[in-house]
C-alpha atoms as a PDB file:
ATOM      1  CA  CYS A   1      -0.496   0.118   0.048  1.00  0.00           C
ATOM      2  CA  ASP A   2       1.434   3.149  -0.788  1.00  0.00           C
ATOM      3  CA  GLY A   3       0.069   6.570   0.194  1.00  0.00           C
ATOM      4  CA  GLN A   4       1.025  10.163   1.172  1.00  0.00           C
ATOM      5  CA  VAL A   5      -0.276  13.083   3.268  1.00  0.00           C
ATOM      6  CA  LEU A   6      -0.853  16.316   1.890  1.00  0.00           C
ATOM      7  CA  VAL A   7      -0.635  19.279   4.229  1.00  0.00           C
ATOM      8  CA  THR A   8      -2.252  22.564   3.380  1.00  0.00           C
ATOM      9  CA  HIS A   9       0.064  24.692   4.865  1.00  0.00           C
ATOM     10  CA  ASP A  10       2.967  22.765   2.279  1.00  0.00           C
ATOM     11  CA  LEU A  11       0.529  23.094  -0.467  1.00  0.00           C
ATOM     12  CA  LEU A  12      -0.121  26.703  -0.042  1.00  0.00           C
ATOM     13  CA  GLY A  13       3.807  27.370   0.724  1.00  0.00           C
ATOM     14  CA  LEU A  14       3.699  28.654   4.274  1.00  0.00           C
ATOM     15  CA  PHE A  15       7.284  27.479   5.128  1.00  0.00           C
ATOM     16  CA  ASP A  16       9.850  29.118   3.233  1.00  0.00           C
ATOM     17  CA  ARG A  17      12.825  26.827   4.618  1.00  0.00           C
ATOM     18  CA  PHE A  18      11.377  23.072   3.542  1.00  0.00           C
ATOM     19  CA  THR A  19       8.515  21.944   1.046  1.00  0.00           C
ATOM     20  CA  PRO A  20       8.577  18.171   0.683  1.00  0.00           C
ATOM     21  CA  LYS A  21       9.640  16.876  -2.504  1.00  0.00           C
ATOM     22  CA  PHE A  22       5.947  15.502  -3.160  1.00  0.00           C
ATOM     23  CA  VAL A  23       4.320  18.475  -2.705  1.00  0.00           C
ATOM     24  CA  LYS A  24       3.032  20.851  -5.629  1.00  0.00           C
ATOM     25  CA  GLN A  25       2.749  24.375  -4.293  1.00  0.00           C
ATOM     26  CA  TYR A  26       0.207  26.214  -4.878  1.00  0.00           C
ATOM     27  CA  ALA A  27       1.071  29.578  -4.084  1.00  0.00           C
ATOM     28  CA  ASN A  28       3.999  31.321  -1.780  1.00  0.00           C
ATOM     29  CA  LEU A  29       2.172  32.374   0.826  1.00  0.00           C
ATOM     30  CA  HIS A  30       4.610  33.187   3.348  1.00  0.00           C
ATOM     31  CA  SER A  31       6.596  35.906   1.320  1.00  0.00           C
ATOM     32  CA  VAL A  32       2.598  37.507   0.922  1.00  0.00           C
ATOM     33  CA  ILE A  33       1.880  37.218   4.929  1.00  0.00           C
ATOM     34  CA  ALA A  34       5.447  38.344   5.811  1.00  0.00           C
ATOM     35  CA  GLN A  35       4.752  41.512   3.918  1.00  0.00           C
ATOM     36  CA  ALA A  36       1.508  42.201   4.839  1.00  0.00           C
ATOM     37  CA  LEU A  37       2.596  41.742   8.655  1.00  0.00           C
ATOM     38  CA  ALA A  38       5.905  44.138   7.574  1.00  0.00           C
ATOM     39  CA  ALA A  39       3.221  46.387   6.542  1.00  0.00           C
ATOM     40  CA  TYR A  40       0.667  46.698   9.548  1.00  0.00           C
ATOM     41  CA  ARG A  41       3.986  46.674  11.867  1.00  0.00           C
ATOM     42  CA  ASP A  42       5.202  49.859   9.620  1.00  0.00           C
ATOM     43  CA  GLU A  43       2.147  51.538   9.925  1.00  0.00           C
ATOM     44  CA  VAL A  44       1.521  50.981  13.783  1.00  0.00           C
ATOM     45  CA  GLU A  45       4.816  51.768  14.352  1.00  0.00           C
ATOM     46  CA  ALA A  46       4.148  55.109  12.239  1.00  0.00           C
ATOM     47  CA  GLY A  47       1.083  55.902  13.850  1.00  0.00           C
ATOM     48  CA  GLN A  48      -0.789  55.806  10.672  1.00  0.00           C
ATOM     49  CA  PHE A  49      -2.861  52.707  12.295  1.00  0.00           C
ATOM     50  CA  PRO A  50      -5.732  52.412  13.144  1.00  0.00           C
ATOM     51  CA  ALA A  51      -7.229  55.391  11.736  1.00  0.00           C
ATOM     52  CA  PRO A  52     -10.557  57.084  12.298  1.00  0.00           C
ATOM     53  CA  GLU A  53     -12.225  54.900   9.763  1.00  0.00           C
ATOM     54  CA  HIS A  54     -10.444  51.478  11.587  1.00  0.00           C
ATOM     55  CA  THR A  55     -12.453  52.426  15.025  1.00  0.00           C
ATOM     56  CA  VAL A  56     -16.032  52.043  16.074  1.00  0.00           C
ATOM     57  CA  ASN A  57     -17.123  54.551  19.181  1.00  0.00           C
ATOM     58  CA  MET A  58     -18.794  53.323  22.269  1.00  0.00           C
ATOM     59  CA  PRO A  59     -21.649  54.850  23.447  1.00  0.00           C
ATOM     60  CA  ASP A  60     -20.986  56.735  26.629  1.00  0.00           C
ATOM     61  CA  GLU A  61     -23.905  54.780  28.802  1.00  0.00           C
ATOM     62  CA  THR A  62     -22.198  51.472  27.039  1.00  0.00           C
ATOM     63  CA  TRP A  63     -18.976  52.279  28.601  1.00  0.00           C
ATOM     64  CA  GLU A  64     -20.461  53.133  32.100  1.00  0.00           C
ATOM     65  CA  ALA A  65     -22.472  49.767  31.685  1.00  0.00           C
ATOM     66  CA  LEU A  66     -19.108  48.204  31.409  1.00  0.00           C
ATOM     67  CA  LEU A  67     -17.414  49.677  34.322  1.00  0.00           C
ATOM     68  CA  ALA A  68     -20.296  49.248  36.666  1.00  0.00           C
ATOM     69  CA  GLU A  69     -20.401  45.267  34.990  1.00  0.00           C
ATOM     70  CA  VAL A  70     -16.337  44.753  36.075  1.00  0.00           C
ATOM     71  CA  GLY A  71     -16.280  46.898  39.558  1.00  0.00           C
ATOM     72  CA  GLU A  72     -14.912  50.062  38.359  1.00  0.00           C
END
């Protein structure tokens, strides 16, 4: 009996150091994810993210109810 296990991480290219020889890699998501995380980090460090359009305001009465619930 022959068989093999194809792991989603290998098929999607989530690891940059090793891909089993029997795997056909359909994407290179490691570099895409690394670039996205670096861009996120850079924007946070530069104070560009989060911007007002990425936030949701909580009504004062909801905030006060939350504080009362947690005992502050």
